[in-house]
N, C-alpha and C. Protein backbone atom coordinates (compact mmCIF):
# COMPACT_ATOMS: atom_id res chain seq x y z
N MET A 1 53.38 -21.36 -74.12
CA MET A 1 53.92 -20.06 -74.56
C MET A 1 53.71 -18.82 -73.58
N ARG A 2 54.91 -17.87 -73.20
CA ARG A 2 54.52 -17.11 -72.34
C ARG A 2 55.44 -16.21 -72.70
N PHE A 3 55.28 -14.74 -73.29
CA PHE A 3 56.08 -13.74 -73.60
C PHE A 3 55.18 -12.31 -73.51
N SER A 4 56.39 -11.22 -73.33
CA SER A 4 55.73 -10.05 -73.55
C SER A 4 56.23 -9.24 -75.04
N LEU A 5 55.46 -8.62 -75.25
CA LEU A 5 55.46 -8.71 -76.53
C LEU A 5 55.59 -6.71 -77.03
N SER A 6 56.47 -6.45 -77.40
CA SER A 6 57.02 -5.13 -77.74
C SER A 6 57.55 -5.12 -79.46
N PRO A 7 56.90 -3.90 -79.88
CA PRO A 7 57.41 -3.68 -81.21
C PRO A 7 59.15 -3.07 -81.59
N SER A 8 59.61 -3.55 -82.68
CA SER A 8 60.60 -2.94 -82.88
C SER A 8 60.33 -1.72 -83.74
N PRO A 9 61.41 -0.41 -83.94
CA PRO A 9 61.03 0.91 -84.41
C PRO A 9 60.76 0.42 -86.02
N SER A 10 59.38 0.73 -86.42
CA SER A 10 59.14 0.88 -88.14
C SER A 10 58.07 1.61 -88.38
N PRO A 11 58.16 2.42 -89.13
CA PRO A 11 57.42 3.68 -89.71
C PRO A 11 56.19 3.40 -90.40
N ILE A 12 56.76 1.73 -91.40
CA ILE A 12 55.79 1.39 -92.41
C ILE A 12 55.37 0.02 -92.14
N VAL A 13 55.33 -1.21 -91.40
CA VAL A 13 55.14 -2.25 -91.48
C VAL A 13 54.90 -2.63 -90.26
N LEU A 14 54.14 -3.61 -89.72
CA LEU A 14 53.92 -4.47 -88.65
C LEU A 14 55.27 -5.08 -87.98
N ASN A 15 55.35 -5.51 -87.05
CA ASN A 15 56.26 -6.37 -86.43
C ASN A 15 55.60 -7.59 -86.16
N HIS A 16 56.31 -8.49 -86.75
CA HIS A 16 55.76 -10.17 -86.92
C HIS A 16 56.72 -11.11 -85.98
N PHE A 17 55.72 -12.03 -85.68
CA PHE A 17 56.39 -12.98 -84.66
C PHE A 17 55.63 -14.54 -84.57
N TYR A 18 56.22 -15.07 -84.77
CA TYR A 18 55.59 -16.37 -85.00
C TYR A 18 56.12 -17.29 -84.41
N THR A 19 55.12 -18.36 -83.81
CA THR A 19 55.85 -19.39 -83.20
C THR A 19 55.33 -20.55 -83.81
N PHE A 20 56.33 -21.87 -83.66
CA PHE A 20 55.72 -22.91 -84.60
C PHE A 20 56.03 -24.00 -83.96
N VAL A 21 55.24 -25.30 -84.23
CA VAL A 21 55.85 -26.36 -83.95
C VAL A 21 55.58 -27.22 -85.18
N GLY A 22 56.19 -28.46 -85.73
CA GLY A 22 56.11 -28.94 -87.49
C GLY A 22 56.38 -30.42 -86.95
N LEU A 23 55.70 -31.10 -87.57
CA LEU A 23 55.89 -32.57 -87.63
C LEU A 23 55.77 -32.92 -89.36
N GLY A 24 57.37 -33.19 -89.78
CA GLY A 24 57.10 -33.46 -91.55
C GLY A 24 56.32 -32.17 -92.14
N PHE A 25 55.23 -31.88 -92.65
CA PHE A 25 55.02 -30.76 -93.18
C PHE A 25 53.48 -30.55 -93.02
N LEU A 26 53.52 -31.01 -91.86
CA LEU A 26 52.31 -29.92 -90.81
C LEU A 26 52.91 -29.09 -90.09
N ASP A 27 52.28 -28.13 -90.09
CA ASP A 27 53.03 -26.78 -89.08
C ASP A 27 51.95 -26.42 -88.33
N VAL A 28 51.81 -25.90 -87.14
CA VAL A 28 50.80 -25.15 -86.17
C VAL A 28 51.91 -24.29 -85.86
N HIS A 29 51.26 -22.69 -86.26
CA HIS A 29 51.79 -21.17 -85.66
C HIS A 29 50.76 -20.40 -84.84
N VAL A 30 51.58 -19.60 -84.20
CA VAL A 30 50.45 -18.72 -83.32
C VAL A 30 51.37 -17.55 -84.37
N GLU A 31 50.77 -16.49 -84.50
CA GLU A 31 50.92 -15.38 -85.67
C GLU A 31 50.31 -14.32 -84.92
N MET A 32 51.35 -13.25 -84.53
CA MET A 32 51.19 -12.31 -83.87
C MET A 32 51.82 -11.31 -84.23
N ALA A 33 51.17 -9.89 -84.37
CA ALA A 33 51.74 -8.54 -84.91
C ALA A 33 51.50 -7.50 -83.80
N VAL A 34 52.14 -6.58 -83.84
CA VAL A 34 52.18 -5.71 -83.06
C VAL A 34 52.35 -4.06 -83.53
N ASP A 35 51.99 -2.87 -83.08
CA ASP A 35 52.02 -2.13 -84.04
C ASP A 35 52.48 -0.67 -82.98
N SER A 36 53.07 -0.02 -83.69
CA SER A 36 53.63 0.87 -83.02
C SER A 36 53.01 1.82 -81.30
N THR A 37 51.55 1.50 -81.71
CA THR A 37 50.75 1.66 -80.42
C THR A 37 50.16 0.52 -79.56
N GLN A 38 51.25 -0.67 -79.85
CA GLN A 38 51.23 -1.58 -78.96
C GLN A 38 50.14 -2.32 -79.06
N ASN A 39 48.99 -2.26 -80.28
CA ASN A 39 48.03 -3.07 -80.49
C ASN A 39 48.29 -4.49 -81.08
N VAL A 40 48.32 -5.19 -80.44
CA VAL A 40 48.83 -6.81 -80.42
C VAL A 40 47.62 -8.06 -81.55
N THR A 41 47.63 -8.35 -82.43
CA THR A 41 46.61 -9.43 -82.78
C THR A 41 47.71 -10.34 -83.33
N SER A 42 46.62 -11.70 -82.83
CA SER A 42 46.88 -13.07 -82.75
C SER A 42 46.07 -13.95 -83.17
N GLU A 43 46.36 -15.12 -83.91
CA GLU A 43 45.91 -15.85 -84.50
C GLU A 43 46.50 -17.55 -84.93
N LEU A 44 45.96 -18.44 -84.15
CA LEU A 44 46.20 -19.52 -84.38
C LEU A 44 45.77 -20.28 -85.51
N TRP A 45 47.16 -20.71 -86.44
CA TRP A 45 46.83 -21.21 -87.89
C TRP A 45 47.50 -22.86 -87.79
N ALA A 46 47.14 -23.36 -88.96
CA ALA A 46 47.59 -24.84 -89.48
C ALA A 46 47.80 -24.71 -90.65
N GLN A 47 49.08 -25.31 -91.23
CA GLN A 47 49.32 -25.66 -92.53
C GLN A 47 48.22 -26.35 -93.15
N GLY A 48 47.56 -26.03 -94.65
CA GLY A 48 46.85 -26.90 -95.22
C GLY A 48 45.20 -26.55 -94.61
N VAL A 49 44.78 -25.69 -93.63
CA VAL A 49 43.99 -25.96 -92.86
C VAL A 49 43.78 -24.33 -93.05
N GLY A 50 44.95 -23.37 -92.49
CA GLY A 50 44.26 -21.94 -92.09
C GLY A 50 43.91 -21.82 -90.93
N PRO A 51 43.45 -20.87 -90.67
CA PRO A 51 42.91 -19.89 -88.90
C PRO A 51 42.29 -21.26 -88.39
N ILE A 52 42.41 -21.46 -87.05
CA ILE A 52 41.85 -22.22 -86.21
C ILE A 52 41.23 -21.87 -85.22
N ASP A 53 39.96 -22.13 -85.24
CA ASP A 53 38.94 -21.34 -84.29
C ASP A 53 39.55 -21.62 -83.13
N LEU A 54 40.65 -20.95 -82.11
CA LEU A 54 40.99 -21.17 -80.83
C LEU A 54 41.74 -19.68 -81.08
N PRO A 55 40.60 -19.00 -80.16
CA PRO A 55 41.25 -17.56 -79.24
C PRO A 55 43.12 -18.06 -78.86
N VAL A 56 43.57 -17.01 -78.84
CA VAL A 56 45.00 -16.88 -78.74
C VAL A 56 45.97 -15.48 -78.30
N GLY A 57 46.47 -15.30 -77.36
CA GLY A 57 46.99 -13.99 -77.22
C GLY A 57 48.31 -13.76 -76.33
N PRO A 58 48.80 -12.74 -76.20
CA PRO A 58 50.42 -12.92 -75.59
C PRO A 58 50.09 -13.33 -74.07
N GLY A 59 50.92 -14.27 -73.63
CA GLY A 59 50.33 -14.65 -72.03
C GLY A 59 49.98 -15.88 -72.03
N ASP A 60 49.25 -16.32 -72.95
CA ASP A 60 48.57 -17.59 -73.02
C ASP A 60 49.36 -18.63 -73.14
N VAL A 61 49.15 -20.05 -72.12
CA VAL A 61 49.78 -21.15 -72.61
C VAL A 61 48.82 -22.14 -73.85
N ILE A 62 49.62 -22.44 -74.82
CA ILE A 62 49.04 -23.33 -75.57
C ILE A 62 49.64 -24.86 -75.50
N SER A 63 48.86 -25.77 -75.96
CA SER A 63 49.81 -26.98 -75.56
C SER A 63 49.03 -27.79 -77.24
N GLY A 64 49.76 -28.59 -77.55
CA GLY A 64 49.25 -29.31 -78.65
C GLY A 64 49.46 -30.73 -78.55
N VAL A 65 49.18 -31.47 -79.70
CA VAL A 65 49.52 -32.53 -79.99
C VAL A 65 49.16 -32.87 -81.48
N LEU A 66 50.21 -33.35 -82.64
CA LEU A 66 49.92 -33.37 -83.84
C LEU A 66 50.29 -34.85 -84.21
N CYS A 67 49.26 -35.44 -84.83
CA CYS A 67 49.75 -37.18 -85.62
C CYS A 67 49.50 -36.82 -86.55
N LEU A 68 50.68 -37.88 -87.39
CA LEU A 68 50.06 -37.83 -88.86
C LEU A 68 50.00 -39.35 -89.22
N ASP A 69 48.93 -40.05 -90.10
CA ASP A 69 49.26 -41.31 -90.39
C ASP A 69 50.16 -41.76 -91.11
N THR A 70 50.65 -42.95 -90.98
CA THR A 70 52.06 -43.25 -91.92
C THR A 70 51.34 -43.85 -93.06
N LYS A 71 50.33 -43.96 -93.87
CA LYS A 71 49.42 -44.66 -94.45
C LYS A 71 48.88 -43.60 -95.39
N PRO A 72 48.96 -43.12 -96.58
CA PRO A 72 47.87 -42.82 -97.58
C PRO A 72 46.24 -42.94 -96.74
N PRO A 73 45.60 -41.59 -97.22
CA PRO A 73 46.04 -40.18 -97.51
C PRO A 73 46.86 -39.34 -96.69
N GLY A 74 47.33 -39.83 -95.88
CA GLY A 74 48.51 -38.61 -94.39
C GLY A 74 47.27 -38.64 -93.66
N THR A 75 46.78 -38.74 -93.20
CA THR A 75 45.51 -37.91 -92.32
C THR A 75 46.34 -37.35 -91.13
N ALA A 76 46.20 -36.30 -91.18
CA ALA A 76 46.73 -35.44 -89.77
C ALA A 76 45.29 -35.03 -88.57
N HIS A 77 45.94 -35.57 -87.79
CA HIS A 77 45.04 -35.51 -86.15
C HIS A 77 45.75 -34.45 -85.04
N TYR A 78 44.91 -32.98 -84.68
CA TYR A 78 45.33 -31.98 -84.66
C TYR A 78 44.44 -32.15 -83.17
N PHE A 79 45.32 -31.95 -81.98
CA PHE A 79 44.56 -31.65 -80.52
C PHE A 79 45.33 -30.33 -79.97
N LEU A 80 44.55 -29.19 -79.78
CA LEU A 80 44.98 -28.22 -79.54
C LEU A 80 44.31 -27.58 -78.30
N ALA A 81 44.93 -27.14 -77.59
CA ALA A 81 44.52 -26.56 -76.23
C ALA A 81 44.96 -25.07 -75.57
N ASN A 82 43.93 -23.96 -75.48
CA ASN A 82 44.64 -22.92 -74.65
C ASN A 82 44.56 -23.09 -73.21
N GLU A 83 45.46 -23.80 -72.55
CA GLU A 83 45.54 -23.69 -71.14
C GLU A 83 44.93 -22.74 -70.14
N THR A 84 45.43 -21.15 -70.83
CA THR A 84 45.04 -20.60 -69.84
C THR A 84 43.61 -19.69 -69.75
N ARG A 85 42.96 -20.17 -71.14
CA ARG A 85 41.72 -19.97 -71.48
C ARG A 85 40.27 -20.89 -71.28
N SER A 86 41.29 -22.26 -71.03
CA SER A 86 40.49 -23.82 -70.94
C SER A 86 39.86 -23.88 -71.86
N GLN A 87 40.11 -24.00 -73.29
CA GLN A 87 39.35 -24.03 -74.50
C GLN A 87 40.37 -24.88 -75.13
N THR A 88 39.47 -26.24 -76.01
CA THR A 88 40.05 -27.11 -77.18
C THR A 88 39.68 -26.80 -78.14
N VAL A 89 40.58 -27.25 -79.20
CA VAL A 89 39.88 -27.72 -80.44
C VAL A 89 40.64 -29.01 -81.17
N ASN A 90 39.52 -30.03 -81.21
CA ASN A 90 40.60 -31.01 -82.26
C ASN A 90 39.74 -31.57 -83.37
N PHE A 91 40.35 -31.69 -84.27
CA PHE A 91 40.01 -32.10 -85.91
C PHE A 91 41.16 -32.73 -86.57
N ARG A 92 40.99 -33.23 -87.86
CA ARG A 92 41.54 -33.93 -88.71
C ARG A 92 41.34 -33.93 -89.66
N VAL A 93 42.28 -33.81 -90.53
CA VAL A 93 42.80 -33.58 -92.19
C VAL A 93 43.24 -34.35 -92.88
N ASP A 94 42.76 -34.74 -93.89
CA ASP A 94 43.11 -35.64 -94.91
C ASP A 94 44.25 -34.55 -95.75
N THR A 95 45.58 -35.09 -95.70
CA THR A 95 46.62 -34.04 -96.21
C THR A 95 47.53 -34.22 -97.58
N GLY A 96 47.55 -35.90 -97.89
CA GLY A 96 48.06 -36.73 -98.84
C GLY A 96 49.80 -36.23 -98.47
N PHE A 97 50.26 -35.64 -97.20
CA PHE A 97 51.49 -35.83 -97.30
C PHE A 97 52.41 -37.01 -96.72
N PRO A 98 53.61 -37.15 -97.08
CA PRO A 98 54.18 -38.27 -96.55
C PRO A 98 54.36 -38.33 -95.16
N PRO A 99 54.68 -39.81 -94.33
CA PRO A 99 55.23 -39.93 -93.35
C PRO A 99 56.51 -38.73 -92.60
N ALA A 100 56.03 -38.21 -91.81
CA ALA A 100 57.13 -37.17 -91.50
C ALA A 100 57.96 -37.72 -91.09
N VAL A 101 59.43 -36.73 -91.36
CA VAL A 101 60.73 -37.44 -91.08
C VAL A 101 61.68 -36.41 -90.21
N THR A 102 61.11 -35.12 -90.02
CA THR A 102 61.05 -33.89 -89.31
C THR A 102 60.65 -33.34 -88.18
N ILE A 103 60.75 -33.16 -87.23
CA ILE A 103 60.17 -32.40 -85.89
C ILE A 103 61.05 -30.96 -85.81
N ASP A 104 60.37 -30.01 -85.50
CA ASP A 104 60.55 -28.75 -85.66
C ASP A 104 59.92 -27.86 -84.49
N ALA A 105 60.75 -26.51 -84.16
CA ALA A 105 59.75 -26.08 -83.14
C ALA A 105 60.48 -24.37 -83.04
N GLY A 106 60.14 -23.65 -82.94
CA GLY A 106 61.10 -22.32 -82.64
C GLY A 106 59.81 -21.08 -82.85
N VAL A 107 60.83 -20.05 -83.07
CA VAL A 107 60.00 -18.74 -83.40
C VAL A 107 61.04 -18.23 -84.59
N THR A 108 60.13 -17.25 -85.68
CA THR A 108 60.49 -16.88 -86.29
C THR A 108 59.61 -15.52 -86.50
N ARG A 109 59.81 -14.65 -87.93
CA ARG A 109 59.14 -13.64 -87.85
C ARG A 109 58.14 -13.49 -88.96
N GLY A 110 57.93 -14.66 -89.95
CA GLY A 110 57.07 -14.89 -90.96
C GLY A 110 57.55 -15.97 -92.00
N ASP A 111 56.96 -15.91 -92.81
CA ASP A 111 56.96 -17.30 -93.59
C ASP A 111 57.51 -16.55 -94.71
N GLY A 112 58.19 -15.77 -95.07
CA GLY A 112 58.82 -15.06 -96.07
C GLY A 112 57.92 -14.47 -97.46
N SER A 113 56.69 -14.32 -97.17
CA SER A 113 56.06 -13.66 -98.30
C SER A 113 56.22 -12.09 -98.17
N HIS A 114 56.74 -11.42 -96.62
CA HIS A 114 57.06 -10.46 -96.45
C HIS A 114 57.88 -10.21 -95.70
N PRO A 115 58.94 -9.83 -96.83
CA PRO A 115 60.36 -9.51 -96.41
C PRO A 115 60.67 -8.51 -95.73
N VAL A 116 60.13 -7.49 -95.52
CA VAL A 116 60.48 -6.32 -94.78
C VAL A 116 60.01 -6.31 -93.09
N ASP A 117 58.95 -7.63 -93.03
CA ASP A 117 58.58 -7.89 -91.51
C ASP A 117 59.62 -7.70 -90.46
N LEU A 118 59.37 -7.27 -89.39
CA LEU A 118 60.51 -6.78 -88.38
C LEU A 118 60.02 -7.81 -87.32
N LEU A 119 60.96 -8.49 -86.72
CA LEU A 119 60.95 -9.23 -85.33
C LEU A 119 60.17 -8.52 -84.67
N ALA A 120 59.16 -8.53 -83.92
CA ALA A 120 59.13 -7.91 -82.74
C ALA A 120 59.67 -8.50 -81.48
N HIS A 121 60.01 -8.00 -80.45
CA HIS A 121 60.67 -7.67 -79.11
C HIS A 121 59.93 -8.58 -78.45
N PHE A 122 60.13 -10.04 -78.67
CA PHE A 122 59.34 -11.15 -77.84
C PHE A 122 59.87 -11.32 -76.46
N GLY A 123 60.77 -11.15 -75.91
CA GLY A 123 61.75 -12.16 -75.02
C GLY A 123 62.20 -13.50 -75.05
N VAL A 124 61.41 -14.02 -73.81
CA VAL A 124 61.67 -15.57 -73.82
C VAL A 124 60.52 -15.88 -73.99
N VAL A 125 60.05 -17.33 -74.91
CA VAL A 125 59.25 -17.97 -74.89
C VAL A 125 59.96 -19.64 -74.96
N TYR A 126 59.12 -20.57 -74.41
CA TYR A 126 59.30 -21.46 -73.72
C TYR A 126 58.76 -22.56 -75.02
N PHE A 127 59.84 -23.42 -74.79
CA PHE A 127 58.90 -24.54 -75.71
C PHE A 127 59.00 -26.11 -74.66
N ASP A 128 58.33 -26.53 -73.81
CA ASP A 128 58.27 -27.77 -72.90
C ASP A 128 57.73 -28.72 -73.33
N GLU A 129 58.08 -30.15 -72.47
CA GLU A 129 57.80 -31.27 -73.03
C GLU A 129 56.96 -31.63 -74.43
N VAL A 130 58.56 -31.11 -75.46
CA VAL A 130 58.57 -31.41 -77.00
C VAL A 130 58.78 -33.14 -76.79
N ILE A 131 57.82 -33.54 -77.33
CA ILE A 131 58.61 -35.20 -77.56
C ILE A 131 57.71 -35.70 -78.57
N ALA A 132 58.72 -36.38 -79.49
CA ALA A 132 58.15 -36.83 -80.66
C ALA A 132 58.14 -38.80 -80.87
N PHE A 133 57.13 -39.29 -81.27
CA PHE A 133 57.11 -40.71 -81.43
C PHE A 133 57.02 -41.14 -82.49
N THR A 134 57.63 -42.23 -82.52
CA THR A 134 57.40 -43.34 -84.45
C THR A 134 57.59 -44.06 -83.97
N THR A 135 57.00 -44.92 -85.24
CA THR A 135 56.72 -46.26 -84.63
C THR A 135 58.16 -47.23 -84.55
N SER A 136 59.45 -46.48 -84.45
CA SER A 136 60.96 -47.10 -83.89
C SER A 136 60.93 -46.64 -82.45
N GLY A 137 60.09 -45.66 -81.91
CA GLY A 137 60.06 -44.98 -80.45
C GLY A 137 60.36 -43.49 -80.56
N SER A 138 60.55 -43.21 -79.55
CA SER A 138 60.63 -41.47 -79.04
C SER A 138 62.20 -41.03 -80.06
N ARG A 139 61.37 -39.88 -80.22
CA ARG A 139 63.05 -38.96 -80.45
C ARG A 139 62.93 -37.59 -79.49
N SER A 140 64.10 -36.86 -79.58
CA SER A 140 64.29 -35.98 -78.75
C SER A 140 64.31 -34.67 -79.72
N LEU A 141 63.65 -34.02 -79.76
CA LEU A 141 63.70 -32.41 -80.43
C LEU A 141 65.20 -31.56 -80.01
N THR A 142 65.32 -31.81 -78.81
CA THR A 142 66.53 -30.88 -78.12
C THR A 142 67.85 -31.70 -78.93
N SER A 143 67.95 -32.88 -79.41
CA SER A 143 68.98 -33.23 -79.60
C SER A 143 69.48 -33.15 -80.86
N GLY A 144 68.91 -32.12 -81.89
CA GLY A 144 68.76 -32.12 -83.21
C GLY A 144 69.58 -30.81 -83.18
N ASP A 145 69.55 -30.10 -84.70
CA ASP A 145 70.19 -28.66 -84.61
C ASP A 145 69.79 -27.54 -84.42
N ALA A 146 70.04 -27.25 -83.29
CA ALA A 146 69.52 -25.42 -82.74
C ALA A 146 69.97 -24.80 -83.96
N ILE A 147 69.27 -23.17 -84.41
CA ILE A 147 69.79 -22.52 -85.28
C ILE A 147 69.15 -21.14 -84.27
N THR A 148 70.27 -20.75 -84.74
CA THR A 148 70.17 -19.24 -84.14
C THR A 148 69.81 -18.12 -85.28
N MET A 149 68.86 -17.06 -85.00
CA MET A 149 68.12 -16.70 -86.11
C MET A 149 69.33 -15.09 -86.19
N VAL A 150 69.81 -14.66 -87.10
CA VAL A 150 70.59 -13.79 -87.55
C VAL A 150 69.86 -12.60 -88.63
N ASP A 151 70.08 -11.32 -88.36
CA ASP A 151 69.63 -10.46 -89.75
C ASP A 151 71.17 -10.66 -90.57
N GLU A 152 70.35 -9.54 -91.72
CA GLU A 152 71.26 -9.88 -93.21
C GLU A 152 72.84 -9.66 -93.09
N HIS A 153 72.87 -9.02 -91.32
CA HIS A 153 74.10 -8.32 -91.26
C HIS A 153 75.37 -9.78 -90.40
N GLY A 154 74.33 -10.67 -90.11
CA GLY A 154 74.74 -11.88 -89.63
C GLY A 154 74.95 -11.14 -87.58
N SER A 155 74.03 -10.07 -87.68
CA SER A 155 73.89 -10.03 -86.09
C SER A 155 72.88 -11.15 -85.36
N THR A 156 73.09 -10.88 -84.19
CA THR A 156 72.13 -12.23 -83.36
C THR A 156 70.82 -11.55 -83.51
N LEU A 157 69.72 -12.20 -83.91
CA LEU A 157 68.23 -11.40 -83.24
C LEU A 157 67.37 -12.32 -82.11
N ALA A 158 67.36 -13.50 -82.18
CA ALA A 158 67.35 -14.62 -81.26
C ALA A 158 68.12 -16.09 -81.42
N LYS A 159 67.88 -16.24 -80.45
CA LYS A 159 68.80 -18.00 -80.50
C LYS A 159 67.98 -18.82 -79.10
N PRO A 160 68.47 -19.76 -79.16
CA PRO A 160 67.38 -20.91 -78.70
C PRO A 160 68.59 -21.72 -77.61
N VAL A 161 68.14 -22.04 -76.56
CA VAL A 161 68.57 -22.22 -75.18
C VAL A 161 68.33 -24.06 -74.75
N ARG A 162 69.07 -24.72 -74.46
CA ARG A 162 68.21 -26.03 -74.43
C ARG A 162 68.43 -26.11 -73.12
N LEU A 163 67.07 -26.77 -72.79
CA LEU A 163 66.97 -26.56 -71.05
C LEU A 163 67.04 -28.12 -70.56
N ASN A 164 66.50 -29.25 -71.49
CA ASN A 164 67.10 -30.45 -70.89
C ASN A 164 66.73 -31.39 -72.06
N ASP A 165 66.05 -32.44 -72.13
CA ASP A 165 65.95 -33.23 -73.01
C ASP A 165 64.69 -33.12 -74.07
N HIS A 166 63.55 -32.41 -73.28
CA HIS A 166 62.35 -32.34 -73.64
C HIS A 166 62.28 -30.87 -73.49
N ALA A 167 62.78 -29.34 -73.56
CA ALA A 167 62.35 -28.24 -73.20
C ALA A 167 63.81 -27.53 -73.79
N PHE A 168 63.31 -26.49 -74.44
CA PHE A 168 64.16 -25.57 -74.70
C PHE A 168 63.52 -24.13 -74.91
N LYS A 169 64.40 -22.74 -75.18
CA LYS A 169 63.24 -21.53 -74.60
C LYS A 169 63.93 -21.10 -76.32
N ALA A 170 63.76 -20.03 -76.34
CA ALA A 170 63.93 -19.03 -77.77
C ALA A 170 64.14 -17.57 -76.84
N VAL A 171 65.45 -17.14 -77.06
CA VAL A 171 65.15 -15.96 -76.32
C VAL A 171 65.60 -14.81 -77.29
N TYR A 172 64.83 -13.60 -77.29
CA TYR A 172 65.33 -12.39 -78.41
C TYR A 172 66.62 -11.48 -77.46
N ALA A 173 67.22 -11.54 -78.86
CA ALA A 173 68.61 -10.82 -78.17
C ALA A 173 68.99 -9.95 -78.96
N ALA A 174 68.38 -9.20 -79.83
CA ALA A 174 68.57 -8.03 -80.70
C ALA A 174 68.83 -6.89 -79.74
N ALA A 175 69.52 -5.82 -79.92
CA ALA A 175 69.55 -4.75 -78.82
C ALA A 175 68.34 -3.60 -79.64
């Protein structure tokens, strides 16, 4: 992921920006917030795990592999790297999750717990070499349904753009 980050005008809340990849119930997020003085805070986070001890910030390139065993207890294997800082972290967690039936990736403004979160002006975020493997072969994420992010009035905030079978970009579009 590479992007520039600036806040949307807001006198009362931080501007949030989350990039995510998901495999069924497994999600890995880069959570970022920027305030009106351009202070950016960021953290890597995983569903069912919480914060991950791998530094991340604007401009960093993050790569990762998520694997979920198909047999109970649903052991998840995480292999994550900050390519920019040459740092890695690997771990596994028994999740109890069923086998994954979906894969997803993209940008959002939060998890819904703070409905007044504003979307930070993130520019463009690239997702490349996105590949999923199953027991029946590989799947292309870009052959699925692309979703444009809109606000409560239907105005476009961000949109996905397919680049090829294994890459897309999310583009901030709001004025």
